[in-house]
């Protein structure tokens, strides 16, 4: 009987040791990596939000007053159907002109424009919470 008790105690002790070492091994093998942060202190695992972009170009660099020309461009990260509008810099403010349209199925646009304000006109396209770089058209 004594031999049976020693064998069972040894078996239970061995099982406890093995179970404990497996638990320790599992804890060592699968730690969670520390969260990496960027220089700004934000979590770098999250992707940066995608910002919409607009491009715009005039077909001419100079026109006569009230002569038609076209402004064309494309949008990135804006859905088709988004309305884009032409703006003109007058003094220190941007004035919205009555020239707007919706982006087509390829997220691009092409609009007809007439300008009457003589001199160098600074123009841009706005829409979808973003704006294009400024482009210039001279009106004589």
N, C-alpha and C. Protein backbone atom coordinates (compact mmCIF):
# COMPACT_ATOMS: atom_id res chain seq x y z
N UNK A 1 0.82 -1.18 0.00
CA UNK A 1 0.00 0.00 0.00
C UNK A 1 0.87 1.26 0.00
N UNK A 2 1.98 1.17 0.75
CA UNK A 2 2.89 2.29 0.82
C UNK A 2 3.47 2.60 -0.55
N UNK A 3 3.77 1.56 -1.34
CA UNK A 3 4.32 1.77 -2.67
C UNK A 3 3.32 2.47 -3.57
N UNK A 4 2.06 2.10 -3.44
CA UNK A 4 1.02 2.72 -4.26
C UNK A 4 0.88 4.21 -3.93
N UNK A 5 0.94 4.53 -2.62
CA UNK A 5 0.82 5.93 -2.21
C UNK A 5 2.00 6.75 -2.72
N UNK A 6 3.21 6.21 -2.65
CA UNK A 6 4.38 6.93 -3.14
C UNK A 6 4.30 7.15 -4.64
N UNK A 7 3.84 6.13 -5.37
CA UNK A 7 3.72 6.24 -6.82
C UNK A 7 2.68 7.30 -7.20
N UNK A 8 1.56 7.32 -6.51
CA UNK A 8 0.53 8.31 -6.83
C UNK A 8 0.97 9.72 -6.47
N UNK A 9 1.68 9.89 -5.34
CA UNK A 9 2.18 11.20 -4.96
C UNK A 9 3.22 11.67 -5.98
N UNK A 10 4.07 10.77 -6.42
CA UNK A 10 5.08 11.12 -7.43
C UNK A 10 4.41 11.49 -8.74
N UNK A 11 3.37 10.78 -9.11
CA UNK A 11 2.64 11.09 -10.35
C UNK A 11 1.95 12.44 -10.29
N UNK A 12 1.32 12.74 -9.16
CA UNK A 12 0.65 14.03 -8.99
C UNK A 12 1.68 15.16 -8.99
N UNK A 13 2.80 14.94 -8.33
CA UNK A 13 3.85 15.97 -8.29
C UNK A 13 4.42 16.21 -9.69
N UNK A 14 4.64 15.14 -10.44
CA UNK A 14 5.14 15.28 -11.81
C UNK A 14 4.14 16.03 -12.68
N UNK A 15 2.87 15.71 -12.55
CA UNK A 15 1.84 16.39 -13.33
C UNK A 15 1.78 17.87 -12.97
N UNK A 16 1.92 18.20 -11.70
CA UNK A 16 1.89 19.60 -11.28
C UNK A 16 3.08 20.36 -11.82
N UNK A 17 4.25 19.73 -11.79
CA UNK A 17 5.45 20.39 -12.31
C UNK A 17 5.32 20.61 -13.81
N UNK A 18 4.86 19.59 -14.52
CA UNK A 18 4.70 19.73 -15.97
C UNK A 18 3.65 20.78 -16.32
N UNK A 19 2.56 20.80 -15.63
CA UNK A 19 1.51 21.78 -15.91
C UNK A 19 2.00 23.19 -15.62
N UNK A 20 2.75 23.36 -14.55
CA UNK A 20 3.29 24.67 -14.22
C UNK A 20 4.30 25.14 -15.24
N UNK A 21 5.17 24.26 -15.71
CA UNK A 21 6.18 24.65 -16.69
C UNK A 21 5.56 24.94 -18.05
N UNK A 22 4.50 24.23 -18.39
CA UNK A 22 3.81 24.51 -19.65
C UNK A 22 3.15 25.88 -19.57
N UNK A 23 2.56 26.19 -18.44
CA UNK A 23 1.94 27.51 -18.27
C UNK A 23 2.97 28.62 -18.36
N UNK A 24 4.13 28.42 -17.75
CA UNK A 24 5.20 29.41 -17.84
C UNK A 24 5.69 29.51 -19.27
N UNK A 25 5.85 28.38 -19.94
CA UNK A 25 6.32 28.40 -21.33
C UNK A 25 5.32 29.13 -22.22
N UNK A 26 4.04 28.92 -22.00
CA UNK A 26 3.04 29.61 -22.80
C UNK A 26 3.09 31.12 -22.53
N UNK A 27 3.32 31.50 -21.30
CA UNK A 27 3.39 32.92 -20.99
C UNK A 27 4.62 33.56 -21.62
N UNK A 28 5.70 32.83 -21.72
CA UNK A 28 6.92 33.37 -22.31
C UNK A 28 6.81 33.41 -23.83
N UNK A 29 6.16 32.45 -24.43
CA UNK A 29 6.09 32.36 -25.89
C UNK A 29 5.15 33.40 -26.48
N UNK A 30 4.05 33.71 -25.84
CA UNK A 30 3.05 34.56 -26.46
C UNK A 30 2.81 35.87 -25.72
N UNK A 31 3.84 36.70 -25.54
CA UNK A 31 3.56 38.01 -24.97
C UNK A 31 3.03 38.94 -26.05
N UNK A 32 2.25 39.91 -25.67
CA UNK A 32 1.78 40.88 -26.65
C UNK A 32 2.87 41.92 -26.87
N UNK A 33 3.15 42.25 -28.12
CA UNK A 33 4.20 43.23 -28.36
C UNK A 33 3.77 44.60 -27.87
N UNK A 34 4.70 45.41 -27.40
CA UNK A 34 4.33 46.75 -26.94
C UNK A 34 3.84 47.59 -28.11
N UNK A 35 2.89 48.45 -27.85
CA UNK A 35 2.34 49.31 -28.90
C UNK A 35 3.41 50.30 -29.33
N UNK A 36 3.63 50.37 -30.64
CA UNK A 36 4.62 51.31 -31.16
C UNK A 36 3.95 52.66 -31.33
N UNK A 37 4.65 53.68 -30.96
CA UNK A 37 4.13 55.03 -31.12
C UNK A 37 5.05 55.80 -32.03
N UNK A 38 4.48 56.72 -32.75
CA UNK A 38 5.26 57.55 -33.66
C UNK A 38 5.85 58.72 -32.88
N UNK A 39 6.55 59.58 -33.59
CA UNK A 39 7.18 60.74 -32.95
C UNK A 39 6.14 61.69 -32.36
N UNK A 40 4.92 61.66 -32.91
CA UNK A 40 3.87 62.55 -32.40
C UNK A 40 3.17 61.97 -31.18
N UNK A 41 3.53 60.73 -30.81
CA UNK A 41 2.91 60.11 -29.65
C UNK A 41 1.64 59.36 -29.98
N UNK A 42 1.27 59.28 -31.25
CA UNK A 42 0.07 58.56 -31.64
C UNK A 42 0.43 57.12 -31.95
N UNK A 43 -0.53 56.24 -31.80
CA UNK A 43 -0.33 54.83 -32.07
C UNK A 43 -0.10 54.65 -33.56
N UNK A 44 1.04 54.06 -33.93
CA UNK A 44 1.36 53.91 -35.35
C UNK A 44 0.68 52.70 -35.97
N UNK A 45 0.01 51.88 -35.17
CA UNK A 45 -0.69 50.73 -35.73
C UNK A 45 -1.93 51.17 -36.50
N UNK A 46 -2.51 52.31 -36.12
CA UNK A 46 -3.66 52.83 -36.84
C UNK A 46 -3.19 53.55 -38.09
N UNK A 47 -3.81 53.29 -39.23
CA UNK A 47 -3.40 54.02 -40.44
C UNK A 47 -3.83 55.48 -40.37
N UNK A 48 -3.07 56.32 -41.03
CA UNK A 48 -3.43 57.73 -41.09
C UNK A 48 -4.71 57.88 -41.90
N UNK A 49 -5.57 58.81 -41.50
CA UNK A 49 -6.79 59.01 -42.28
C UNK A 49 -6.44 59.52 -43.68
N UNK A 50 -7.15 59.03 -44.66
CA UNK A 50 -6.89 59.40 -46.04
C UNK A 50 -7.50 60.77 -46.30
N UNK A 51 -6.70 61.67 -46.80
CA UNK A 51 -7.18 63.02 -47.08
C UNK A 51 -7.53 63.14 -48.55
N UNK A 52 -8.67 63.77 -48.85
CA UNK A 52 -9.02 63.98 -50.25
C UNK A 52 -8.10 65.00 -50.90
N UNK A 53 -7.90 64.84 -52.20
CA UNK A 53 -7.04 65.75 -52.95
C UNK A 53 -7.76 66.18 -54.22
N UNK A 54 -7.53 67.42 -54.64
CA UNK A 54 -8.06 67.95 -55.89
C UNK A 54 -6.91 68.52 -56.71
N UNK A 55 -6.96 68.29 -58.01
CA UNK A 55 -6.03 68.95 -58.92
C UNK A 55 -6.85 69.76 -59.90
N UNK A 56 -6.29 70.84 -60.41
CA UNK A 56 -6.99 71.67 -61.39
C UNK A 56 -5.98 72.35 -62.29
N UNK A 57 -6.32 72.42 -63.57
CA UNK A 57 -5.47 73.06 -64.57
C UNK A 57 -6.35 73.77 -65.58
N UNK A 58 -5.91 74.94 -66.01
CA UNK A 58 -6.63 75.67 -67.06
C UNK A 58 -6.05 75.27 -68.41
N UNK A 59 -6.89 75.29 -69.44
CA UNK A 59 -6.42 74.93 -70.78
C UNK A 59 -5.58 76.03 -71.40
N UNK A 60 -5.64 77.24 -70.86
CA UNK A 60 -4.88 78.38 -71.39
C UNK A 60 -4.23 79.12 -70.24
N UNK A 61 -3.21 79.91 -70.58
CA UNK A 61 -2.60 80.76 -69.54
C UNK A 61 -3.08 82.20 -69.65
N UNK A 62 -3.66 82.56 -70.81
CA UNK A 62 -4.19 83.91 -71.00
C UNK A 62 -5.34 83.92 -71.98
N UNK A 63 -6.34 84.77 -71.70
CA UNK A 63 -7.52 84.89 -72.57
C UNK A 63 -7.94 86.35 -72.63
N UNK A 64 -8.82 86.67 -73.59
CA UNK A 64 -9.45 87.99 -73.61
C UNK A 64 -10.62 87.98 -72.64
N UNK A 65 -11.08 89.15 -72.24
CA UNK A 65 -12.20 89.23 -71.30
C UNK A 65 -13.42 88.54 -71.89
N UNK A 66 -14.08 87.75 -71.10
CA UNK A 66 -15.29 87.00 -71.43
C UNK A 66 -15.07 85.97 -72.53
N UNK A 67 -13.84 85.55 -72.74
CA UNK A 67 -13.55 84.46 -73.68
C UNK A 67 -13.59 83.14 -72.91
N UNK A 68 -14.20 82.14 -73.54
CA UNK A 68 -14.36 80.86 -72.86
C UNK A 68 -13.06 80.07 -72.84
N UNK A 69 -12.79 79.43 -71.72
CA UNK A 69 -11.72 78.44 -71.61
C UNK A 69 -12.20 77.35 -70.66
N UNK A 70 -11.43 76.32 -70.52
CA UNK A 70 -11.85 75.20 -69.67
C UNK A 70 -10.87 74.99 -68.52
N UNK A 71 -11.44 74.55 -67.44
CA UNK A 71 -10.66 74.12 -66.28
C UNK A 71 -10.98 72.65 -66.08
N UNK A 72 -9.94 71.84 -66.01
CA UNK A 72 -10.16 70.42 -65.83
C UNK A 72 -9.27 69.92 -64.70
N UNK A 73 -9.63 68.78 -64.17
CA UNK A 73 -8.84 68.21 -63.08
C UNK A 73 -9.44 66.91 -62.60
N UNK A 74 -8.87 66.40 -61.53
CA UNK A 74 -9.29 65.12 -60.98
C UNK A 74 -9.26 65.19 -59.46
N UNK A 75 -9.94 64.25 -58.86
CA UNK A 75 -10.00 64.17 -57.40
C UNK A 75 -9.55 62.78 -56.97
N UNK A 76 -8.88 62.73 -55.84
CA UNK A 76 -8.52 61.45 -55.23
C UNK A 76 -9.20 61.38 -53.88
N UNK A 77 -9.74 60.23 -53.58
CA UNK A 77 -10.41 59.96 -52.31
C UNK A 77 -11.66 60.82 -52.13
N UNK A 78 -12.29 61.19 -53.24
CA UNK A 78 -13.60 61.84 -53.23
C UNK A 78 -14.52 61.00 -54.09
N UNK A 79 -15.74 60.82 -53.66
CA UNK A 79 -16.66 59.97 -54.40
C UNK A 79 -17.23 60.70 -55.61
N UNK A 80 -17.55 59.96 -56.67
CA UNK A 80 -18.22 60.57 -57.81
C UNK A 80 -19.53 61.20 -57.36
N UNK A 81 -19.87 62.34 -57.97
CA UNK A 81 -21.08 63.06 -57.58
C UNK A 81 -20.81 64.19 -56.61
N UNK A 82 -19.60 64.28 -56.08
CA UNK A 82 -19.24 65.38 -55.20
C UNK A 82 -19.19 66.67 -56.01
N UNK A 83 -19.77 67.74 -55.50
CA UNK A 83 -19.80 69.02 -56.21
C UNK A 83 -18.49 69.77 -55.98
N UNK A 84 -17.91 70.25 -57.09
CA UNK A 84 -16.71 71.09 -57.03
C UNK A 84 -17.07 72.45 -57.61
N UNK A 85 -16.48 73.50 -57.04
CA UNK A 85 -16.81 74.88 -57.40
C UNK A 85 -15.54 75.66 -57.65
N UNK A 86 -15.61 76.61 -58.60
CA UNK A 86 -14.48 77.47 -58.92
C UNK A 86 -14.49 78.69 -58.01
N UNK A 87 -13.31 79.04 -57.49
CA UNK A 87 -13.17 80.25 -56.68
C UNK A 87 -12.09 81.14 -57.29
N UNK A 88 -12.27 82.46 -57.11
CA UNK A 88 -11.35 83.46 -57.64
C UNK A 88 -10.89 84.33 -56.48
N UNK A 89 -9.59 84.63 -56.44
CA UNK A 89 -9.08 85.50 -55.38
C UNK A 89 -9.27 86.95 -55.79
N UNK A 90 -10.04 87.67 -54.99
CA UNK A 90 -10.28 89.10 -55.22
C UNK A 90 -9.82 89.83 -53.97
N UNK A 91 -8.66 90.48 -54.08
CA UNK A 91 -8.06 91.11 -52.91
C UNK A 91 -7.49 90.05 -52.00
N UNK A 92 -7.96 90.03 -50.76
CA UNK A 92 -7.50 89.04 -49.79
C UNK A 92 -8.48 87.90 -49.58
N UNK A 93 -9.62 87.92 -50.27
CA UNK A 93 -10.64 86.90 -50.04
C UNK A 93 -10.87 86.06 -51.28
N UNK A 94 -11.30 84.83 -51.05
CA UNK A 94 -11.68 83.93 -52.13
C UNK A 94 -13.18 84.05 -52.36
N UNK A 95 -13.56 84.37 -53.59
CA UNK A 95 -14.96 84.56 -53.96
C UNK A 95 -15.40 83.36 -54.79
N UNK A 96 -16.53 82.79 -54.42
CA UNK A 96 -17.07 81.65 -55.16
C UNK A 96 -17.74 82.15 -56.43
N UNK A 97 -17.34 81.61 -57.57
CA UNK A 97 -17.92 81.99 -58.86
C UNK A 97 -19.06 81.05 -59.21
N UNK A 98 -19.97 81.49 -60.07
CA UNK A 98 -21.09 80.61 -60.45
C UNK A 98 -20.68 79.57 -61.48
N UNK A 99 -19.67 78.81 -61.16
CA UNK A 99 -19.21 77.72 -62.02
C UNK A 99 -18.96 76.52 -61.13
N UNK A 100 -19.88 75.56 -61.18
CA UNK A 100 -19.71 74.36 -60.37
C UNK A 100 -20.25 73.17 -61.14
N UNK A 101 -19.82 72.01 -60.75
CA UNK A 101 -20.29 70.77 -61.37
C UNK A 101 -19.99 69.61 -60.45
N UNK A 102 -20.51 68.44 -60.80
CA UNK A 102 -20.27 67.24 -60.01
C UNK A 102 -19.18 66.41 -60.66
N UNK A 103 -18.43 65.70 -59.82
CA UNK A 103 -17.41 64.80 -60.33
C UNK A 103 -18.07 63.66 -61.09
N UNK A 104 -17.48 63.27 -62.21
CA UNK A 104 -18.04 62.16 -62.98
C UNK A 104 -17.66 60.82 -62.36
N UNK A 105 -17.97 59.72 -63.04
CA UNK A 105 -17.75 58.39 -62.49
C UNK A 105 -16.27 58.07 -62.30
N UNK A 106 -15.39 58.83 -62.91
CA UNK A 106 -13.95 58.65 -62.73
C UNK A 106 -13.37 59.67 -61.75
N UNK A 107 -14.24 60.38 -61.06
CA UNK A 107 -13.85 61.43 -60.10
C UNK A 107 -13.00 62.51 -60.77
N UNK A 108 -13.40 62.89 -61.97
CA UNK A 108 -12.74 64.00 -62.65
C UNK A 108 -13.80 65.01 -63.09
N UNK A 109 -13.33 66.17 -63.55
CA UNK A 109 -14.26 67.21 -63.97
C UNK A 109 -13.63 68.01 -65.10
N UNK A 110 -14.49 68.71 -65.85
CA UNK A 110 -14.07 69.62 -66.91
C UNK A 110 -15.17 70.66 -67.05
N UNK A 111 -14.87 71.91 -66.70
CA UNK A 111 -15.91 72.94 -66.73
C UNK A 111 -15.52 74.10 -67.63
N UNK A 112 -16.53 74.74 -68.22
CA UNK A 112 -16.33 75.93 -69.05
C UNK A 112 -16.33 77.15 -68.14
N UNK A 113 -15.40 78.07 -68.41
CA UNK A 113 -15.26 79.24 -67.55
C UNK A 113 -15.15 80.49 -68.41
N UNK A 114 -15.78 81.58 -67.95
CA UNK A 114 -15.66 82.91 -68.54
C UNK A 114 -15.21 83.85 -67.44
N UNK A 115 -14.17 84.64 -67.69
CA UNK A 115 -13.71 85.63 -66.71
C UNK A 115 -13.75 87.01 -67.33
N UNK A 116 -14.17 88.01 -66.55
CA UNK A 116 -14.22 89.38 -67.03
C UNK A 116 -13.29 90.31 -66.27
N UNK A 117 -12.77 89.88 -65.14
CA UNK A 117 -11.88 90.70 -64.33
C UNK A 117 -10.49 90.69 -64.96
N UNK A 118 -10.08 91.85 -65.50
CA UNK A 118 -8.82 91.92 -66.23
C UNK A 118 -7.62 91.87 -65.28
N UNK A 119 -6.54 91.31 -65.79
CA UNK A 119 -5.32 91.17 -65.00
C UNK A 119 -5.05 89.70 -64.72
N UNK A 120 -4.12 89.46 -63.81
CA UNK A 120 -3.76 88.09 -63.43
C UNK A 120 -4.79 87.57 -62.43
N UNK A 121 -5.51 86.53 -62.78
CA UNK A 121 -6.54 85.95 -61.92
C UNK A 121 -5.99 84.68 -61.26
N UNK A 122 -6.10 84.63 -59.94
CA UNK A 122 -5.72 83.43 -59.20
C UNK A 122 -7.00 82.63 -58.96
N UNK A 123 -6.99 81.38 -59.38
CA UNK A 123 -8.18 80.53 -59.30
C UNK A 123 -7.84 79.24 -58.56
N UNK A 124 -8.88 78.61 -58.02
CA UNK A 124 -8.74 77.30 -57.41
C UNK A 124 -10.09 76.60 -57.45
N UNK A 125 -10.08 75.30 -57.26
CA UNK A 125 -11.29 74.49 -57.20
C UNK A 125 -11.45 74.02 -55.76
N UNK A 126 -12.67 74.12 -55.22
CA UNK A 126 -12.96 73.63 -53.87
C UNK A 126 -14.11 72.65 -53.93
N UNK A 127 -14.10 71.71 -53.02
CA UNK A 127 -15.19 70.74 -52.94
C UNK A 127 -14.79 69.56 -52.08
N UNK A 128 -15.76 68.98 -51.43
CA UNK A 128 -15.49 67.80 -50.62
C UNK A 128 -14.59 68.06 -49.43
N UNK A 129 -14.56 69.29 -48.95
CA UNK A 129 -13.74 69.61 -47.80
C UNK A 129 -12.28 69.83 -48.11
N UNK A 130 -11.94 69.96 -49.38
CA UNK A 130 -10.55 70.20 -49.77
C UNK A 130 -10.50 71.24 -50.87
N UNK A 131 -9.30 71.63 -51.25
CA UNK A 131 -9.14 72.62 -52.32
C UNK A 131 -7.91 72.26 -53.14
N UNK A 132 -7.92 72.71 -54.38
CA UNK A 132 -6.80 72.45 -55.29
C UNK A 132 -5.72 73.50 -55.08
N UNK A 133 -4.53 73.24 -55.59
CA UNK A 133 -3.52 74.30 -55.61
C UNK A 133 -3.99 75.45 -56.51
N UNK A 134 -3.47 76.63 -56.26
CA UNK A 134 -3.85 77.82 -57.03
C UNK A 134 -3.23 77.75 -58.42
N UNK A 135 -4.02 78.11 -59.43
CA UNK A 135 -3.50 78.26 -60.79
C UNK A 135 -3.90 79.64 -61.29
N UNK A 136 -3.15 80.14 -62.28
CA UNK A 136 -3.35 81.52 -62.73
C UNK A 136 -3.77 81.57 -64.19
N UNK A 137 -4.64 82.54 -64.50
CA UNK A 137 -5.06 82.83 -65.87
C UNK A 137 -5.04 84.34 -66.03
N UNK A 138 -4.32 84.81 -67.04
CA UNK A 138 -4.26 86.25 -67.32
C UNK A 138 -5.40 86.63 -68.24
N UNK A 139 -6.13 87.69 -67.88
CA UNK A 139 -7.23 88.19 -68.71
C UNK A 139 -6.82 89.57 -69.22
N UNK A 140 -6.89 89.74 -70.56
CA UNK A 140 -6.50 91.04 -71.14
C UNK A 140 -7.67 91.70 -71.80
